[in-house]
Amino acid sequence: MTPEELFYSFPEPVPDLCWRLRDLVLEVIGDAEERVRPGWRRLAFTRGGSAVLCAIAPQRDHARLLFERGAELSDPDARLQGAAGQGRYLRFDSEAEIDDDVVRAFLTQLVG
C-alpha cells in the first residue's frame, strides 16, 4: 500500500491534512524513511532502521500525528493528547488547526 492509497481511502479533508503533516515531517526529519503500516492504517517514519519516531494516522474525520514516545516530549502547553502508555498525538480536524511551528517543535525534539 502506498501513502496515496492510504490517505485517499478517507474522505476530505483527511487526505489534505495527511499530506501537509507528511511534508512537515520530511522537512524536519529529512532522512526519515517512511512505510505504510496497513494493519495499523498509518504512515510510519523511522530513521536509520530505528524504532518508529512518529506516524500519520488518518481517521474518519481528522488526522493524527502520533509520537511513539510522546510521553517523553516536552509539552508545556499540554497540546499532546492520549494518556495510555508512551504514545501521544496531535489531532487536526482542519488545515487551519495545523500550526507549522508547533508541529516542527515537536518533530525537532525527536531528532534533537
Foldseek 3Di string as FASTA:
>chain_A
DDLVVLQVVEDPPRNVQQVVLVVLLCVLVVQWDWDQDVVQSWIFTDHPPDDTQWIWHGDRQWIKIKGQQCVPFDDPPPQWDDDPDRMTIHIGRDPVPDDSVVSSVRSNVSVD
